Structures are given as structure tokens and as C-alpha cells.
Amino acid sequence: LVTYAGTGVDMISMGALTHSSRWLDFSLEVD
């Protein structure tokens, strides 16, 4: 990760952070 950050990229996306996380079901429905 440090190697990639040193290349000057603006963002690093890591799917491993969200791959095993618990999901949350919510809705923004307005009647």
C-alpha cells in the first residue's frame, strides 16, 4: 500500500475493506 501511495495517486480503493463487512438495509422512502 505504501508503494502505491508513493506513486502520486489521489485515491486507493481496497475492496477487502468492504468485501467482508456486514450489510445494512435501510430505506429513504418518503410518503
N, C-alpha and C. Protein backbone atom coordinates (compact mmCIF):
# COMPACT_ATOMS: atom_id res chain seq x y z
N LEU A 1 0.82 -1.20 0.00
CA LEU A 1 0.00 0.00 0.00
C LEU A 1 0.87 1.26 0.00
N VAL A 2 1.90 1.26 0.78
CA VAL A 2 2.80 2.41 0.83
C VAL A 2 3.46 2.62 -0.52
N THR A 3 3.77 1.52 -1.21
CA THR A 3 4.39 1.61 -2.53
C THR A 3 3.46 2.32 -3.50
N TYR A 4 2.18 1.97 -3.48
CA TYR A 4 1.22 2.61 -4.38
C TYR A 4 1.00 4.08 -4.00
N ALA A 5 0.97 4.39 -2.73
CA ALA A 5 0.75 5.76 -2.28
C ALA A 5 1.90 6.66 -2.72
N GLY A 6 3.09 6.11 -2.81
CA GLY A 6 4.25 6.89 -3.21
C GLY A 6 4.28 7.23 -4.69
N THR A 7 3.37 6.66 -5.48
CA THR A 7 3.37 6.93 -6.92
C THR A 7 2.61 8.20 -7.26
N GLY A 8 1.97 8.82 -6.29
CA GLY A 8 1.26 10.07 -6.54
C GLY A 8 -0.21 9.91 -6.86
N VAL A 9 -0.77 8.73 -6.61
CA VAL A 9 -2.19 8.53 -6.88
C VAL A 9 -3.02 9.33 -5.89
N ASP A 10 -4.22 9.74 -6.32
CA ASP A 10 -5.10 10.52 -5.45
C ASP A 10 -5.90 9.65 -4.51
N MET A 11 -6.33 8.48 -5.00
CA MET A 11 -7.16 7.60 -4.19
C MET A 11 -6.73 6.16 -4.37
N ILE A 12 -6.88 5.38 -3.32
CA ILE A 12 -6.62 3.95 -3.39
C ILE A 12 -7.88 3.25 -2.91
N SER A 13 -8.44 2.41 -3.76
CA SER A 13 -9.65 1.68 -3.41
C SER A 13 -9.29 0.26 -3.02
N MET A 14 -9.72 -0.15 -1.85
CA MET A 14 -9.44 -1.50 -1.39
C MET A 14 -10.74 -2.24 -1.16
N GLY A 15 -11.06 -3.18 -2.03
CA GLY A 15 -12.28 -3.96 -1.90
C GLY A 15 -12.27 -4.86 -0.68
N ALA A 16 -11.10 -5.17 -0.16
CA ALA A 16 -11.01 -6.04 1.01
C ALA A 16 -11.65 -5.40 2.23
N LEU A 17 -11.72 -4.08 2.26
CA LEU A 17 -12.31 -3.39 3.40
C LEU A 17 -13.82 -3.57 3.44
N THR A 18 -14.46 -3.63 2.27
CA THR A 18 -15.92 -3.74 2.23
C THR A 18 -16.39 -5.13 1.86
N HIS A 19 -15.50 -5.99 1.42
CA HIS A 19 -15.90 -7.32 0.95
C HIS A 19 -16.50 -8.16 2.07
N SER A 20 -15.91 -8.11 3.25
CA SER A 20 -16.38 -8.97 4.33
C SER A 20 -17.16 -8.21 5.40
N SER A 21 -17.52 -6.96 5.12
CA SER A 21 -18.26 -6.19 6.12
C SER A 21 -19.73 -6.60 6.13
N ARG A 22 -20.39 -6.35 7.22
CA ARG A 22 -21.81 -6.66 7.35
C ARG A 22 -22.61 -5.63 6.55
N TRP A 23 -23.71 -6.08 5.96
CA TRP A 23 -24.53 -5.16 5.19
C TRP A 23 -25.59 -4.55 6.08
N LEU A 24 -26.03 -3.39 5.70
CA LEU A 24 -27.06 -2.68 6.45
C LEU A 24 -28.16 -2.29 5.47
N ASP A 25 -29.37 -2.74 5.75
CA ASP A 25 -30.51 -2.46 4.88
C ASP A 25 -31.26 -1.26 5.43
N PHE A 26 -31.26 -0.17 4.68
CA PHE A 26 -32.04 0.99 5.09
C PHE A 26 -32.68 1.63 3.87
N SER A 27 -33.75 2.32 4.11
CA SER A 27 -34.51 2.91 3.01
C SER A 27 -34.80 4.37 3.32
N LEU A 28 -34.81 5.19 2.28
CA LEU A 28 -35.10 6.61 2.44
C LEU A 28 -36.44 6.94 1.78
N GLU A 29 -37.40 6.04 1.94
CA GLU A 29 -38.72 6.26 1.35
C GLU A 29 -39.47 7.33 2.12
N VAL A 30 -40.08 8.25 1.38
CA VAL A 30 -40.88 9.31 1.99
C VAL A 30 -42.28 9.24 1.41
N ASP A 31 -43.27 9.20 2.29
CA ASP A 31 -44.66 9.15 1.82
C ASP A 31 -45.24 10.54 1.72
